[in-house]
N, C-alpha and C. Protein backbone atom coordinates (compact mmCIF):
# COMPACT_ATOMS: atom_id res chain seq x y z
N MET A 1 -2.36 -16.41 -7.61
CA MET A 1 -3.28 -15.44 -7.05
C MET A 1 -3.27 -15.48 -5.53
N ASP A 2 -3.22 -16.69 -4.95
CA ASP A 2 -3.20 -16.80 -3.50
C ASP A 2 -1.98 -16.11 -2.90
N SER A 3 -0.85 -16.22 -3.58
CA SER A 3 0.36 -15.57 -3.09
C SER A 3 0.21 -14.06 -3.09
N LEU A 4 -0.49 -13.52 -4.08
CA LEU A 4 -0.69 -12.08 -4.13
C LEU A 4 -1.52 -11.60 -2.95
N VAL A 5 -2.51 -12.36 -2.58
CA VAL A 5 -3.33 -12.00 -1.43
C VAL A 5 -2.50 -12.08 -0.15
N ILE A 6 -1.69 -13.11 -0.05
CA ILE A 6 -0.85 -13.27 1.13
C ILE A 6 0.14 -12.12 1.26
N TYR A 7 0.70 -11.65 0.14
CA TYR A 7 1.63 -10.52 0.18
C TYR A 7 0.90 -9.20 0.36
N GLY A 8 -0.30 -9.09 -0.18
CA GLY A 8 -1.02 -7.82 -0.17
C GLY A 8 -1.48 -7.39 1.21
N ILE A 9 -1.86 -8.33 2.05
CA ILE A 9 -2.36 -7.97 3.38
C ILE A 9 -1.26 -7.36 4.25
N PRO A 10 -0.09 -7.99 4.39
CA PRO A 10 0.97 -7.34 5.17
C PRO A 10 1.49 -6.07 4.50
N ALA A 11 1.44 -6.02 3.18
CA ALA A 11 1.91 -4.84 2.47
C ALA A 11 1.08 -3.62 2.86
N ALA A 12 -0.21 -3.80 3.10
CA ALA A 12 -1.05 -2.67 3.51
C ALA A 12 -0.56 -2.09 4.83
N GLY A 13 -0.16 -2.93 5.76
CA GLY A 13 0.39 -2.44 7.02
C GLY A 13 1.70 -1.70 6.84
N VAL A 14 2.55 -2.21 5.96
CA VAL A 14 3.83 -1.55 5.67
C VAL A 14 3.57 -0.19 5.02
N ILE A 15 2.62 -0.15 4.11
CA ILE A 15 2.29 1.11 3.42
C ILE A 15 1.76 2.14 4.41
N ILE A 16 0.87 1.72 5.30
CA ILE A 16 0.36 2.64 6.32
C ILE A 16 1.50 3.22 7.14
N ALA A 17 2.43 2.37 7.55
CA ALA A 17 3.56 2.83 8.36
C ALA A 17 4.45 3.80 7.58
N LEU A 18 4.73 3.49 6.31
CA LEU A 18 5.60 4.37 5.51
C LEU A 18 4.94 5.72 5.23
N VAL A 19 3.65 5.72 4.97
CA VAL A 19 2.95 6.98 4.72
C VAL A 19 2.92 7.82 5.99
N GLU A 20 2.62 7.20 7.11
CA GLU A 20 2.59 7.94 8.38
C GLU A 20 3.98 8.48 8.72
N MET A 21 5.02 7.70 8.46
CA MET A 21 6.39 8.16 8.70
C MET A 21 6.70 9.36 7.81
N SER A 22 6.26 9.32 6.56
CA SER A 22 6.50 10.43 5.64
C SER A 22 5.78 11.69 6.10
N LYS A 23 4.58 11.51 6.63
CA LYS A 23 3.83 12.67 7.11
C LYS A 23 4.49 13.30 8.33
N ARG A 24 4.96 12.47 9.23
CA ARG A 24 5.55 13.00 10.47
C ARG A 24 6.98 13.48 10.27
N SER A 25 7.77 12.75 9.50
CA SER A 25 9.19 13.09 9.35
C SER A 25 9.43 14.19 8.32
N PHE A 26 8.70 14.13 7.21
CA PHE A 26 8.97 15.04 6.11
C PHE A 26 7.88 16.08 5.93
N GLY A 27 6.87 16.07 6.77
CA GLY A 27 5.79 17.05 6.67
C GLY A 27 4.93 16.88 5.43
N LEU A 28 4.73 15.65 5.00
CA LEU A 28 3.90 15.38 3.83
C LEU A 28 2.48 15.86 4.09
N PRO A 29 1.92 16.71 3.22
CA PRO A 29 0.53 17.15 3.41
C PRO A 29 -0.44 15.98 3.27
N ASN A 30 -1.55 16.06 3.99
CA ASN A 30 -2.54 14.98 3.98
C ASN A 30 -3.07 14.69 2.58
N ARG A 31 -3.15 15.69 1.73
CA ARG A 31 -3.71 15.46 0.39
C ARG A 31 -2.83 14.55 -0.46
N TRP A 32 -1.56 14.39 -0.08
CA TRP A 32 -0.64 13.53 -0.83
C TRP A 32 -0.53 12.13 -0.24
N ALA A 33 -1.24 11.86 0.83
CA ALA A 33 -1.13 10.55 1.49
C ALA A 33 -1.66 9.43 0.60
N ALA A 34 -2.82 9.61 -0.01
CA ALA A 34 -3.39 8.55 -0.86
C ALA A 34 -2.55 8.30 -2.11
N PRO A 35 -2.10 9.35 -2.83
CA PRO A 35 -1.22 9.07 -3.98
C PRO A 35 0.09 8.39 -3.58
N LEU A 36 0.65 8.78 -2.44
CA LEU A 36 1.88 8.12 -1.97
C LEU A 36 1.61 6.67 -1.63
N ALA A 37 0.48 6.39 -0.99
CA ALA A 37 0.13 5.01 -0.65
C ALA A 37 -0.04 4.17 -1.91
N ALA A 38 -0.67 4.74 -2.94
CA ALA A 38 -0.85 4.01 -4.20
C ALA A 38 0.51 3.73 -4.84
N ALA A 39 1.38 4.73 -4.85
CA ALA A 39 2.71 4.54 -5.44
C ALA A 39 3.52 3.50 -4.67
N LEU A 40 3.44 3.55 -3.35
CA LEU A 40 4.15 2.56 -2.54
C LEU A 40 3.61 1.16 -2.77
N GLY A 41 2.31 1.04 -2.96
CA GLY A 41 1.72 -0.26 -3.27
C GLY A 41 2.27 -0.83 -4.56
N ILE A 42 2.39 0.03 -5.57
CA ILE A 42 2.93 -0.41 -6.86
C ILE A 42 4.40 -0.79 -6.72
N VAL A 43 5.16 0.01 -5.98
CA VAL A 43 6.58 -0.29 -5.78
C VAL A 43 6.77 -1.61 -5.04
N LEU A 44 6.01 -1.81 -3.98
CA LEU A 44 6.13 -3.07 -3.23
C LEU A 44 5.71 -4.27 -4.08
N ALA A 45 4.68 -4.09 -4.90
CA ALA A 45 4.26 -5.18 -5.79
C ALA A 45 5.34 -5.49 -6.82
N THR A 46 5.98 -4.45 -7.33
CA THR A 46 7.07 -4.65 -8.29
C THR A 46 8.22 -5.41 -7.65
N LEU A 47 8.58 -5.03 -6.42
CA LEU A 47 9.65 -5.73 -5.72
C LEU A 47 9.28 -7.19 -5.46
N ALA A 48 8.03 -7.43 -5.11
CA ALA A 48 7.59 -8.81 -4.89
C ALA A 48 7.66 -9.61 -6.18
N LYS A 49 7.26 -9.00 -7.29
CA LYS A 49 7.30 -9.69 -8.59
C LYS A 49 8.74 -9.97 -9.01
N LEU A 50 9.64 -9.01 -8.78
CA LEU A 50 11.04 -9.22 -9.14
C LEU A 50 11.69 -10.31 -8.28
N SER A 51 11.28 -10.41 -7.02
CA SER A 51 11.86 -11.43 -6.16
C SER A 51 11.26 -12.81 -6.42
N GLN A 52 10.03 -12.85 -6.92
CA GLN A 52 9.38 -14.12 -7.24
C GLN A 52 8.70 -14.00 -8.60
N PRO A 53 9.42 -14.30 -9.67
CA PRO A 53 8.88 -14.12 -11.02
C PRO A 53 7.62 -14.92 -11.32
N ASP A 54 7.39 -16.01 -10.62
CA ASP A 54 6.20 -16.82 -10.88
C ASP A 54 4.98 -16.35 -10.10
N LEU A 55 5.04 -15.15 -9.55
CA LEU A 55 3.95 -14.62 -8.74
C LEU A 55 2.66 -14.44 -9.52
N GLY A 56 2.77 -14.08 -10.78
CA GLY A 56 1.59 -13.88 -11.62
C GLY A 56 1.94 -12.93 -12.75
N PRO A 57 0.98 -12.65 -13.62
CA PRO A 57 1.24 -11.70 -14.71
C PRO A 57 1.51 -10.30 -14.16
N TRP A 58 2.35 -9.55 -14.87
CA TRP A 58 2.74 -8.22 -14.41
C TRP A 58 1.54 -7.31 -14.18
N LEU A 59 0.61 -7.30 -15.09
CA LEU A 59 -0.54 -6.41 -14.95
C LEU A 59 -1.33 -6.73 -13.69
N GLN A 60 -1.54 -7.99 -13.44
CA GLN A 60 -2.28 -8.41 -12.25
C GLN A 60 -1.53 -8.01 -10.97
N VAL A 61 -0.23 -8.21 -10.97
CA VAL A 61 0.57 -7.87 -9.80
C VAL A 61 0.52 -6.37 -9.54
N GLU A 62 0.69 -5.57 -10.59
CA GLU A 62 0.69 -4.12 -10.43
C GLU A 62 -0.68 -3.59 -10.00
N LEU A 63 -1.75 -4.13 -10.58
CA LEU A 63 -3.09 -3.69 -10.19
C LEU A 63 -3.39 -4.05 -8.74
N LEU A 64 -2.97 -5.22 -8.31
CA LEU A 64 -3.18 -5.58 -6.92
C LEU A 64 -2.29 -4.76 -5.98
N GLY A 65 -1.13 -4.34 -6.46
CA GLY A 65 -0.30 -3.43 -5.67
C GLY A 65 -0.97 -2.08 -5.51
N LEU A 66 -1.55 -1.59 -6.60
CA LEU A 66 -2.30 -0.33 -6.54
C LEU A 66 -3.48 -0.46 -5.58
N LEU A 67 -4.20 -1.55 -5.70
CA LEU A 67 -5.34 -1.80 -4.82
C LEU A 67 -4.90 -1.89 -3.36
N SER A 68 -3.78 -2.52 -3.12
CA SER A 68 -3.26 -2.64 -1.76
C SER A 68 -2.92 -1.26 -1.19
N GLY A 69 -2.30 -0.42 -2.01
CA GLY A 69 -1.96 0.93 -1.55
C GLY A 69 -3.18 1.78 -1.28
N LEU A 70 -4.15 1.72 -2.17
CA LEU A 70 -5.36 2.51 -1.97
C LEU A 70 -6.18 2.00 -0.79
N SER A 71 -6.22 0.70 -0.62
CA SER A 71 -6.95 0.18 0.54
C SER A 71 -6.22 0.52 1.83
N ALA A 72 -4.90 0.58 1.79
CA ALA A 72 -4.15 0.97 2.99
C ALA A 72 -4.48 2.41 3.38
N SER A 73 -4.60 3.29 2.40
CA SER A 73 -4.94 4.68 2.73
C SER A 73 -6.36 4.76 3.27
N GLY A 74 -7.26 3.94 2.76
CA GLY A 74 -8.62 3.92 3.27
C GLY A 74 -8.70 3.30 4.65
N LEU A 75 -7.91 2.27 4.90
CA LEU A 75 -7.89 1.64 6.22
C LEU A 75 -7.42 2.62 7.28
N TYR A 76 -6.39 3.38 6.95
CA TYR A 76 -5.86 4.31 7.94
C TYR A 76 -6.83 5.45 8.20
N SER A 77 -7.35 6.06 7.14
CA SER A 77 -8.24 7.20 7.35
C SER A 77 -9.55 6.76 7.99
N GLY A 78 -10.04 5.58 7.63
CA GLY A 78 -11.26 5.06 8.26
C GLY A 78 -11.04 4.74 9.72
N GLY A 79 -9.91 4.14 10.03
CA GLY A 79 -9.59 3.82 11.42
C GLY A 79 -9.40 5.07 12.26
N ARG A 80 -8.82 6.09 11.67
CA ARG A 80 -8.61 7.34 12.38
C ARG A 80 -9.95 8.02 12.67
N THR A 81 -10.89 7.95 11.71
CA THR A 81 -12.21 8.53 11.91
C THR A 81 -12.96 7.82 13.03
N VAL A 82 -12.89 6.50 13.05
CA VAL A 82 -13.57 5.73 14.09
C VAL A 82 -12.95 6.02 15.46
N ALA A 83 -11.63 6.16 15.50
CA ALA A 83 -10.95 6.40 16.77
C ALA A 83 -11.31 7.76 17.36
N ARG A 84 -11.63 8.73 16.52
CA ARG A 84 -11.98 10.06 17.01
C ARG A 84 -13.35 10.09 17.68
N LYS A 85 -14.24 9.20 17.27
CA LYS A 85 -15.62 9.25 17.79
C LYS A 85 -15.76 8.56 19.10
């Protein structure tokens, strides 16, 4: 479980960067940012599990990947809102 937390925190930063890159480079509409972040979280969690099989049960890894992606989308939108004020 501790390893999942250690991987999840930097993954949120990577997810924010990838979503922002998709929005700027490919014209991704804002409404698709959260679903893309969730999908990227799951993909990154899957890659982490494949590279380290003893990371934890698959369901736990995937759910934490989803949580990481969704929290990344919330971190970015919340930070953007605060920066505007």
